[in-house]
Amino acid sequence: MAAEYPEAAKQLSVVAENVGAHLSDVSRDIGEQLLTEIPELRGDGTVIKILEASVAENVATLLHIFENDIPLDNVERLPVASEYARRLAQRNVPLSALIRSYRIGHWRFLQWCLDELNRQGADESLSAATNWRMLNLSFGYIDRVTEHVIDVQLERDHWLLSRTAVRAARVRDILAGKDVDLDWAESALGYRIRQYHLGLVSWLPPLAEAGAGLARLDRMTTVIAEALGCPARPLFVPRDEALSWAWLPFGSHHDVSWEQLSDAIESTDPSVHVCVGNVEPGIGGFRSTHHQALRTQELATLASPGTRFTEYSRVAPIALMCANVEDMRAWVWEVLGPLAVDDENCARLRETVQIFLDSGCSYTATAGAQILHKNTVHYRIRKAEEIMGHPVQERRIDLEVALLAVQYLGLTLLRSAPA
């Protein structure tokens, strides 16, 4: 029998070791294949990040089994795979999409391993026995993992029956622009739609310690509402265990102190991230402030390094450009030229140019803001112009937007510094 070939385990170990040397490439390739083949998995940045982590965890575990000849009975449940299944369940992604992702991912993984086995040039008998062992172990592993994630997905039924899910369904009707009875909607939600609102999106970072995650997000929402003097309780809608949507009621007022809001966030749970829209009125404002907060969250999750609090009013142009990061990166490089490099000198020059433009091109104001001699500011502006190849006031609007994009997205947009 091929399964009893004594050298097959050693040969498979060599295959696993060599494939494991390209672990990040293998994981990225599988993740991209899944997003291409399964449309239900696209469109949510947080879920995509957990998908990438789940793929990496499964690939690393299978390679570890191959390399060390580990019995499947000794393989423990994978926490990231469970978390990914739970998130999909809570967002009503079909179970069929999850199971299909394991089938497609398994096949893509085997392609990498089979290609490596062929490169080893083993004789026909050894190659066949190794192939048999690889298929036997990997199919057994996938069978165990999918059985577990199916159990996790069944939690969807309990989630849908919960009170918070019913409330979320009402909110989704409003956000989708359906014709709803406002009296009925306000009664069902316990929240007045006919007033000014501020939309919030709050979340815990992917794979962070999310113990009592919803309670922490709810508490943060309450702290913010109290700090801003909201006249009633906010509307809090869990999206999953580590993400929530909320609307703060402002009644007939529409002024908000961003400084107070920021202070409230900074003084509370240090793990929670918050993005907000603008204060907007009525049912239209209920929708628009939420969509603004979502756009801002897309920006915040792309930022490297990120910030805990981001307000739409400060980053609106950049948030609207986040739909295509590749094009944004190319545009920033075209505007900033060699100044779009991730090194200390360029960072210092970009900061000075940004303050200079914000201050109305005042050397004195820039020097005061940066606590520098005015001659130093003159030197930095001149140096930045030399690097970019044009004066800072040429394409001034483009330059201001590009610098703002780099300020918030950082390494996501910059070139690597030369070695």
Protein backbone atom coordinates (compact mmCIF):
# COMPACT_ATOMS: atom_id res chain seq x y z
CA MET A 1 0.00 0.00 0.00
CA ALA A 2 1.24 3.51 -0.80
CA ALA A 3 0.29 4.63 2.70
CA GLU A 4 2.81 2.25 4.22
CA TYR A 5 5.77 3.45 2.14
CA PRO A 6 8.35 4.16 4.90
CA GLU A 7 9.98 7.20 3.25
CA ALA A 8 6.73 9.03 2.46
CA ALA A 9 6.57 10.84 5.81
CA LYS A 10 10.15 12.12 5.39
CA GLN A 11 9.48 13.24 1.82
CA LEU A 12 6.31 15.06 2.89
CA SER A 13 8.26 16.74 5.69
CA VAL A 14 10.72 18.12 3.13
CA VAL A 15 7.85 19.35 0.97
CA ALA A 16 6.24 21.10 3.96
CA GLU A 17 9.50 22.72 5.01
CA ASN A 18 10.10 24.15 1.54
CA VAL A 19 6.52 25.36 1.10
CA GLY A 20 6.66 26.85 4.60
CA ALA A 21 9.58 29.03 3.52
CA HIS A 22 7.00 30.87 1.38
CA LEU A 23 4.24 30.89 3.99
CA SER A 24 3.20 34.51 3.49
CA ASP A 25 3.06 34.08 -0.31
CA VAL A 26 1.02 30.88 -0.03
CA SER A 27 -1.44 32.46 2.41
CA ARG A 28 -1.82 35.62 0.33
CA ASP A 29 -2.38 33.59 -2.85
CA ILE A 30 -5.08 31.46 -1.20
CA GLY A 31 -6.79 34.52 0.31
CA GLU A 32 -6.87 36.31 -3.05
CA GLN A 33 -8.29 33.19 -4.71
CA LEU A 34 -11.07 32.97 -2.12
CA LEU A 35 -12.07 36.61 -2.58
CA THR A 36 -12.07 36.13 -6.36
CA GLU A 37 -14.16 32.97 -6.30
CA ILE A 38 -16.60 33.76 -3.45
CA PRO A 39 -18.29 37.21 -3.69
CA GLU A 40 -20.05 36.79 -0.32
CA LEU A 41 -16.67 37.17 1.44
CA ARG A 42 -15.91 40.59 -0.04
CA GLY A 43 -16.77 44.12 1.01
CA ASP A 44 -16.01 44.17 4.74
CA GLY A 45 -12.47 45.20 5.66
CA THR A 46 -12.58 43.71 9.14
CA VAL A 47 -13.88 40.34 7.95
CA ILE A 48 -11.29 40.27 5.14
CA LYS A 49 -8.50 40.80 7.69
CA ILE A 50 -9.80 37.91 9.78
CA LEU A 51 -10.07 35.80 6.60
CA GLU A 52 -6.39 36.48 5.89
CA ALA A 53 -5.46 35.51 9.45
CA SER A 54 -7.60 32.36 9.28
CA VAL A 55 -6.00 31.28 6.01
CA ALA A 56 -2.52 31.83 7.45
CA GLU A 57 -3.42 29.85 10.58
CA ASN A 58 -4.80 26.89 8.60
CA VAL A 59 -1.86 26.82 6.19
CA ALA A 60 0.69 26.98 9.00
CA THR A 61 -1.11 24.22 10.93
CA LEU A 62 -1.30 21.86 7.95
CA LEU A 63 2.36 22.41 7.10
CA HIS A 64 3.22 21.75 10.74
CA ILE A 65 1.28 18.45 10.57
CA PHE A 66 3.10 17.46 7.37
CA GLU A 67 6.54 18.43 8.59
CA ASN A 68 6.34 16.79 12.02
CA ASP A 69 4.11 13.79 11.22
CA ILE A 70 1.49 14.88 13.79
CA PRO A 71 -1.63 12.69 14.20
CA LEU A 72 -4.85 14.57 13.44
CA ASP A 73 -6.24 13.59 16.85
CA ASN A 74 -3.60 15.84 18.41
CA VAL A 75 -4.66 18.95 16.47
CA GLU A 76 -6.51 21.47 18.62
CA ARG A 77 -9.29 23.76 17.45
CA LEU A 78 -8.07 26.89 15.70
CA PRO A 79 -9.17 30.11 17.42
CA VAL A 80 -8.95 32.35 14.35
CA ALA A 81 -10.91 29.89 12.19
CA SER A 82 -13.60 29.81 14.86
CA GLU A 83 -13.65 33.60 15.08
CA TYR A 84 -13.95 33.89 11.30
CA ALA A 85 -16.87 31.44 11.21
CA ARG A 86 -18.56 33.34 14.03
CA ARG A 87 -18.21 36.70 12.28
CA LEU A 88 -19.65 35.32 9.05
CA ALA A 89 -22.56 33.77 10.94
CA GLN A 90 -23.39 37.02 12.66
CA ARG A 91 -23.38 38.84 9.33
CA ASN A 92 -25.68 36.29 7.68
CA VAL A 93 -23.08 35.06 5.19
CA PRO A 94 -24.39 31.68 3.93
CA LEU A 95 -22.90 28.54 5.42
CA SER A 96 -22.34 27.31 1.87
CA ALA A 97 -19.90 30.19 1.27
CA LEU A 98 -17.85 29.22 4.32
CA ILE A 99 -17.69 25.52 3.35
CA ARG A 100 -16.82 26.45 -0.24
CA SER A 101 -13.97 28.60 1.02
CA TYR A 102 -12.42 25.56 2.69
CA ARG A 103 -12.76 23.45 -0.47
CA ILE A 104 -11.24 26.12 -2.71
CA GLY A 105 -8.54 26.98 -0.19
CA HIS A 106 -7.67 23.29 0.24
CA TRP A 107 -7.24 22.80 -3.49
CA ARG A 108 -5.07 25.93 -3.82
CA PHE A 109 -2.93 24.77 -0.91
CA LEU A 110 -2.48 21.33 -2.50
CA GLN A 111 -1.34 22.96 -5.74
CA TRP A 112 1.58 24.57 -3.90
CA CYS A 113 2.48 21.28 -2.21
CA LEU A 114 2.16 19.18 -5.39
CA ASP A 115 4.31 21.64 -7.33
CA GLU A 116 6.97 21.37 -4.63
CA LEU A 117 6.73 17.57 -4.61
CA ASN A 118 7.31 17.51 -8.36
CA ARG A 119 10.37 19.76 -7.92
CA GLN A 120 11.86 17.21 -5.51
CA GLY A 121 12.24 14.72 -8.38
CA ALA A 122 11.49 11.63 -6.25
CA ASP A 123 11.01 8.28 -7.98
CA GLU A 124 7.50 7.34 -9.03
CA SER A 125 6.75 5.03 -6.07
CA LEU A 126 7.91 7.52 -3.44
CA SER A 127 6.13 10.40 -5.15
CA ALA A 128 2.85 8.43 -5.28
CA ALA A 129 3.14 7.41 -1.61
CA THR A 130 3.90 10.97 -0.55
CA ASN A 131 1.00 12.25 -2.60
CA TRP A 132 -1.33 9.69 -0.96
CA ARG A 133 -0.16 10.72 2.50
CA MET A 134 -0.57 14.39 1.71
CA LEU A 135 -4.14 13.90 0.48
CA ASN A 136 -5.07 11.64 3.38
CA LEU A 137 -3.84 14.06 6.05
CA SER A 138 -5.11 17.25 4.41
CA PHE A 139 -8.60 15.92 3.66
CA GLY A 140 -8.84 14.56 7.20
CA TYR A 141 -7.78 17.93 8.58
CA ILE A 142 -10.26 19.89 6.42
CA ASP A 143 -13.04 17.50 7.43
CA ARG A 144 -12.38 18.15 11.13
CA VAL A 145 -12.12 21.91 10.75
CA THR A 146 -15.28 22.24 8.66
CA GLU A 147 -17.26 20.15 11.15
CA HIS A 148 -16.20 22.58 13.87
CA VAL A 149 -16.96 25.77 11.92
CA ILE A 150 -20.37 24.39 10.96
CA ASP A 151 -21.15 24.16 14.67
CA VAL A 152 -19.99 27.74 15.10
CA GLN A 153 -22.13 28.91 12.20
CA LEU A 154 -25.23 27.41 13.78
CA GLU A 155 -24.96 30.19 16.36
CA ARG A 156 -26.51 32.33 13.62
CA ASP A 157 -29.96 31.09 14.57
CA HIS A 158 -29.52 32.29 18.14
CA TRP A 159 -28.10 35.60 16.92
CA LEU A 160 -31.05 36.22 14.60
CA LEU A 161 -33.51 35.53 17.41
CA SER A 162 -31.86 37.94 19.81
CA ARG A 163 -33.36 41.33 20.55
CA THR A 164 -30.33 43.20 19.24
CA ALA A 165 -30.60 41.45 15.89
CA VAL A 166 -34.24 42.48 15.58
CA ARG A 167 -33.23 46.07 16.25
CA ALA A 168 -30.43 45.78 13.71
CA ALA A 169 -32.93 44.59 11.11
CA ARG A 170 -35.08 47.69 11.69
CA VAL A 171 -32.02 49.90 11.33
CA ARG A 172 -31.00 48.15 8.10
CA ASP A 173 -34.47 48.91 6.65
CA ILE A 174 -33.94 52.61 7.33
CA LEU A 175 -30.38 52.61 5.98
CA ALA A 176 -31.51 50.80 2.84
CA GLY A 177 -33.88 53.66 2.09
CA LYS A 178 -37.03 51.60 2.50
CA ASP A 179 -40.31 53.42 3.02
CA VAL A 180 -40.76 53.06 6.79
CA ASP A 181 -43.37 54.44 9.16
CA LEU A 182 -41.37 56.80 11.37
CA ASP A 183 -43.73 56.46 14.34
CA TRP A 184 -43.43 52.68 14.14
CA ALA A 185 -39.65 52.84 13.64
CA GLU A 186 -39.13 55.16 16.60
CA SER A 187 -41.27 52.95 18.82
CA ALA A 188 -39.42 49.78 17.73
CA LEU A 189 -35.99 51.34 18.21
CA GLY A 190 -36.69 53.38 21.32
CA TYR A 191 -34.96 56.25 19.54
CA ARG A 192 -36.29 59.42 17.91
CA ILE A 193 -35.47 59.66 14.19
CA ARG A 194 -36.79 63.22 13.77
CA GLN A 195 -33.85 65.05 15.32
CA TYR A 196 -30.14 65.72 14.73
CA HIS A 197 -27.85 62.67 14.90
CA LEU A 198 -24.14 61.89 15.08
CA GLY A 199 -23.21 58.49 13.61
CA LEU A 200 -20.51 56.39 15.28
CA VAL A 201 -18.72 53.22 14.22
CA SER A 202 -16.79 51.62 17.11
CA TRP A 203 -14.71 48.47 17.04
CA LEU A 204 -12.01 46.42 18.66
CA PRO A 205 -9.03 45.62 16.38
CA PRO A 206 -9.09 42.21 14.65
CA LEU A 207 -7.75 39.38 16.81
CA ALA A 208 -7.51 41.67 19.85
CA GLU A 209 -8.62 40.35 23.22
CA ALA A 210 -12.35 40.86 22.76
CA GLY A 211 -13.67 39.68 26.12
CA ALA A 212 -17.05 41.29 26.78
CA GLY A 213 -16.47 43.18 23.54
CA LEU A 214 -20.01 44.46 23.06
CA ALA A 215 -20.22 45.63 26.67
CA ARG A 216 -17.02 47.61 26.15
CA LEU A 217 -18.31 49.20 22.95
CA ASP A 218 -21.65 50.00 24.59
CA ARG A 219 -19.86 51.58 27.53
CA MET A 220 -17.71 53.70 25.21
CA THR A 221 -20.83 54.90 23.38
CA THR A 222 -22.46 55.89 26.68
CA VAL A 223 -19.33 57.74 27.84
CA ILE A 224 -19.22 59.73 24.59
CA ALA A 225 -22.93 60.59 24.80
CA GLU A 226 -22.54 61.81 28.37
CA ALA A 227 -19.45 63.87 27.51
CA LEU A 228 -21.34 65.60 24.68
CA GLY A 229 -24.44 66.21 26.82
CA CYS A 230 -26.83 64.21 24.63
CA PRO A 231 -30.45 64.71 25.82
CA ALA A 232 -31.40 61.00 25.51
CA ARG A 233 -29.92 57.54 25.30
CA PRO A 234 -27.98 56.74 22.12
CA LEU A 235 -29.12 54.04 19.71
CA PHE A 236 -26.58 51.19 20.00
CA VAL A 237 -26.64 48.42 17.37
CA PRO A 238 -24.13 45.54 17.58
CA ARG A 239 -22.78 44.44 14.20
CA ASP A 240 -20.85 41.50 15.61
CA GLU A 241 -18.90 40.71 18.78
CA ALA A 242 -16.30 43.41 18.17
CA LEU A 243 -18.04 46.02 16.01
CA SER A 244 -20.98 48.32 16.69
CA TRP A 245 -22.93 51.11 15.02
CA ALA A 246 -24.43 53.90 17.10
CA TRP A 247 -26.34 57.16 16.72
CA LEU A 248 -26.04 59.92 19.31
CA PRO A 249 -29.19 62.04 19.75
CA PHE A 250 -28.66 65.82 19.58
CA GLY A 251 -32.29 66.92 19.62
CA SER A 252 -32.61 70.32 17.93
CA HIS A 253 -28.93 71.18 18.32
CA HIS A 254 -26.16 70.38 15.84
CA ASP A 255 -23.01 71.72 17.51
CA VAL A 256 -20.44 69.19 18.70
CA SER A 257 -17.12 69.65 20.50
CA TRP A 258 -14.66 67.36 18.72
CA GLU A 259 -12.15 68.06 21.47
CA GLN A 260 -14.55 66.81 24.17
CA LEU A 261 -15.39 63.78 22.06
CA SER A 262 -11.71 62.97 21.55
CA ASP A 263 -10.96 63.43 25.26
CA ALA A 264 -13.82 61.06 26.19
CA ILE A 265 -12.43 58.36 23.89
CA GLU A 266 -8.84 58.78 25.05
CA SER A 267 -9.85 58.59 28.71
CA THR A 268 -11.83 55.34 28.33
CA ASP A 269 -11.03 51.83 27.01
CA PRO A 270 -7.66 52.12 25.18
CA SER A 271 -8.48 49.24 22.82
CA VAL A 272 -11.62 50.76 21.30
CA HIS A 273 -11.42 52.66 18.00
CA VAL A 274 -14.11 55.17 17.04
CA CYS A 275 -15.00 56.92 13.79
CA VAL A 276 -17.75 59.52 13.48
CA GLY A 277 -19.66 61.31 10.74
CA ASN A 278 -21.10 64.81 10.81
CA VAL A 279 -24.14 65.91 12.83
CA GLU A 280 -27.07 65.59 10.40
CA PRO A 281 -30.87 66.04 10.72
CA GLY A 282 -33.85 63.71 10.24
CA ILE A 283 -34.07 60.35 8.56
CA GLY A 284 -31.79 61.51 5.75
CA GLY A 285 -29.23 62.61 8.32
CA PHE A 286 -29.62 59.28 10.12
CA ARG A 287 -28.42 57.60 6.94
CA SER A 288 -25.78 60.11 5.83
CA THR A 289 -23.96 60.46 9.16
CA HIS A 290 -23.76 56.67 9.35
CA HIS A 291 -22.36 56.34 5.83
CA GLN A 292 -19.82 59.06 6.62
CA ALA A 293 -18.71 57.14 9.72
CA LEU A 294 -18.38 53.95 7.63
CA ARG A 295 -16.23 55.75 5.05
CA THR A 296 -14.08 57.11 7.83
CA GLN A 297 -13.68 53.63 9.29
CA GLU A 298 -12.45 52.36 5.91
CA LEU A 299 -9.76 55.03 6.07
CA ALA A 300 -8.91 54.28 9.70
CA THR A 301 -8.49 50.55 9.11
CA LEU A 302 -6.15 51.24 6.17
CA ALA A 303 -4.05 53.73 8.12
CA SER A 304 -0.55 52.65 9.12
CA PRO A 305 -0.09 53.52 11.89
CA GLY A 306 -3.74 54.06 12.81
CA THR A 307 -5.40 56.39 15.31
CA ARG A 308 -8.08 55.65 17.92
CA PHE A 309 -10.41 58.47 16.87
CA THR A 310 -11.11 59.81 13.40
CA GLU A 311 -13.74 62.37 12.44
CA TYR A 312 -15.18 62.56 8.93
CA SER A 313 -15.07 66.35 8.77
CA ARG A 314 -11.26 66.30 8.94
CA VAL A 315 -10.61 63.49 6.47
CA ALA A 316 -13.57 63.58 4.07
CA PRO A 317 -11.51 63.96 0.84
CA ILE A 318 -9.21 61.10 1.85
CA ALA A 319 -12.06 58.89 3.05
CA LEU A 320 -13.82 59.31 -0.29
CA MET A 321 -10.63 58.31 -2.11
CA CYS A 322 -10.13 55.11 -0.12
CA ALA A 323 -12.21 53.03 -2.51
CA ASN A 324 -9.07 52.54 -4.63
CA VAL A 325 -5.90 52.63 -2.57
CA GLU A 326 -3.66 51.63 -5.48
CA ASP A 327 -4.79 54.62 -7.53
CA MET A 328 -4.50 56.89 -4.49
CA ARG A 329 -0.94 55.69 -3.87
CA ALA A 330 0.03 56.35 -7.49
CA TRP A 331 -1.51 59.82 -7.33
CA VAL A 332 0.29 60.69 -4.08
CA TRP A 333 3.61 59.57 -5.57
CA GLU A 334 2.93 61.69 -8.65
CA VAL A 335 2.14 64.79 -6.54
CA LEU A 336 4.90 64.42 -3.94
CA GLY A 337 7.52 62.75 -6.11
CA PRO A 338 10.58 61.64 -4.10
CA LEU A 339 9.12 63.36 -1.02
CA ALA A 340 6.77 60.37 -0.71
CA VAL A 341 9.49 58.23 0.88
CA ASP A 342 9.30 56.65 4.31
CA ASP A 343 12.33 58.14 6.01
CA GLU A 344 12.91 60.65 8.80
CA ASN A 345 14.12 63.48 6.59
CA CYS A 346 11.16 63.36 4.19
CA ALA A 347 8.74 63.05 7.11
CA ARG A 348 10.20 66.19 8.67
CA LEU A 349 9.96 68.10 5.39
CA ARG A 350 6.38 66.94 4.75
CA GLU A 351 5.33 68.09 8.21
CA THR A 352 6.84 71.53 7.69
CA VAL A 353 5.27 71.93 4.23
CA GLN A 354 1.86 70.88 5.59
CA ILE A 355 1.98 73.39 8.45
CA PHE A 356 3.29 76.05 6.05
CA LEU A 357 0.32 75.57 3.71
CA ASP A 358 -2.16 75.39 6.59
CA SER A 359 -0.84 78.69 7.96
CA GLY A 360 -1.37 80.54 4.67
CA CYS A 361 2.26 80.12 3.63
CA SER A 362 3.51 82.10 6.61
CA TYR A 363 7.14 81.38 7.52
CA THR A 364 6.68 83.11 10.88
CA ALA A 365 3.57 81.11 11.84
CA THR A 366 5.21 77.85 10.73
CA ALA A 367 8.32 78.59 12.76
CA GLY A 368 6.16 79.31 15.80
CA ALA A 369 4.13 76.13 15.38
CA GLN A 370 7.23 73.95 15.07
CA ILE A 371 9.38 75.93 17.52
CA LEU A 372 12.00 76.52 14.83
CA HIS A 373 14.03 79.49 13.62
CA LYS A 374 12.43 81.12 10.60
CA ASN A 375 15.56 80.47 8.55
CA THR A 376 15.15 76.73 9.25
CA VAL A 377 11.64 76.88 7.86
CA HIS A 378 12.93 78.69 4.75
CA TYR A 379 15.54 75.96 4.32
CA ARG A 380 13.05 73.11 4.72
CA ILE A 381 10.55 74.60 2.28
CA ARG A 382 13.31 75.20 -0.27
CA LYS A 383 14.62 71.65 0.25
CA ALA A 384 11.14 70.15 -0.18
CA GLU A 385 10.68 72.11 -3.40
CA GLU A 386 14.01 70.79 -4.71
CA ILE A 387 13.00 67.20 -3.93
CA MET A 388 9.52 67.54 -5.48
CA GLY A 389 10.81 69.53 -8.45
CA HIS A 390 8.29 72.35 -8.17
CA PRO A 391 7.27 75.18 -5.76
CA VAL A 392 4.94 74.24 -2.91
CA GLN A 393 2.32 76.71 -4.15
CA GLU A 394 2.19 75.00 -7.54
CA ARG A 395 -0.74 72.51 -7.50
CA ARG A 396 -1.33 73.69 -3.94
CA ILE A 397 -4.71 71.96 -3.49
CA ASP A 398 -3.31 68.66 -4.77
CA LEU A 399 -0.33 69.02 -2.45
CA GLU A 400 -2.52 69.72 0.59
CA VAL A 401 -4.70 66.68 -0.11
CA ALA A 402 -1.69 64.43 -0.75
CA LEU A 403 -0.04 65.51 2.52
CA LEU A 404 -3.32 64.95 4.39
CA ALA A 405 -3.55 61.46 2.86
CA VAL A 406 -0.02 60.62 4.00
CA GLN A 407 -0.74 62.05 7.45
CA TYR A 408 -3.60 59.57 7.94
CA LEU A 409 -2.52 56.60 5.85
CA GLY A 410 1.24 56.77 6.42
CA LEU A 411 3.07 53.63 5.34
CA THR A 412 0.09 52.50 3.26
CA LEU A 413 0.95 55.22 0.72
CA LEU A 414 4.69 55.84 1.11
CA ARG A 415 7.57 54.29 -0.79
CA SER A 416 10.13 52.31 1.18
CA ALA A 417 13.36 54.17 1.92
CA PRO A 418 16.32 53.06 -0.21
CA ALA A 419 18.57 50.51 1.50
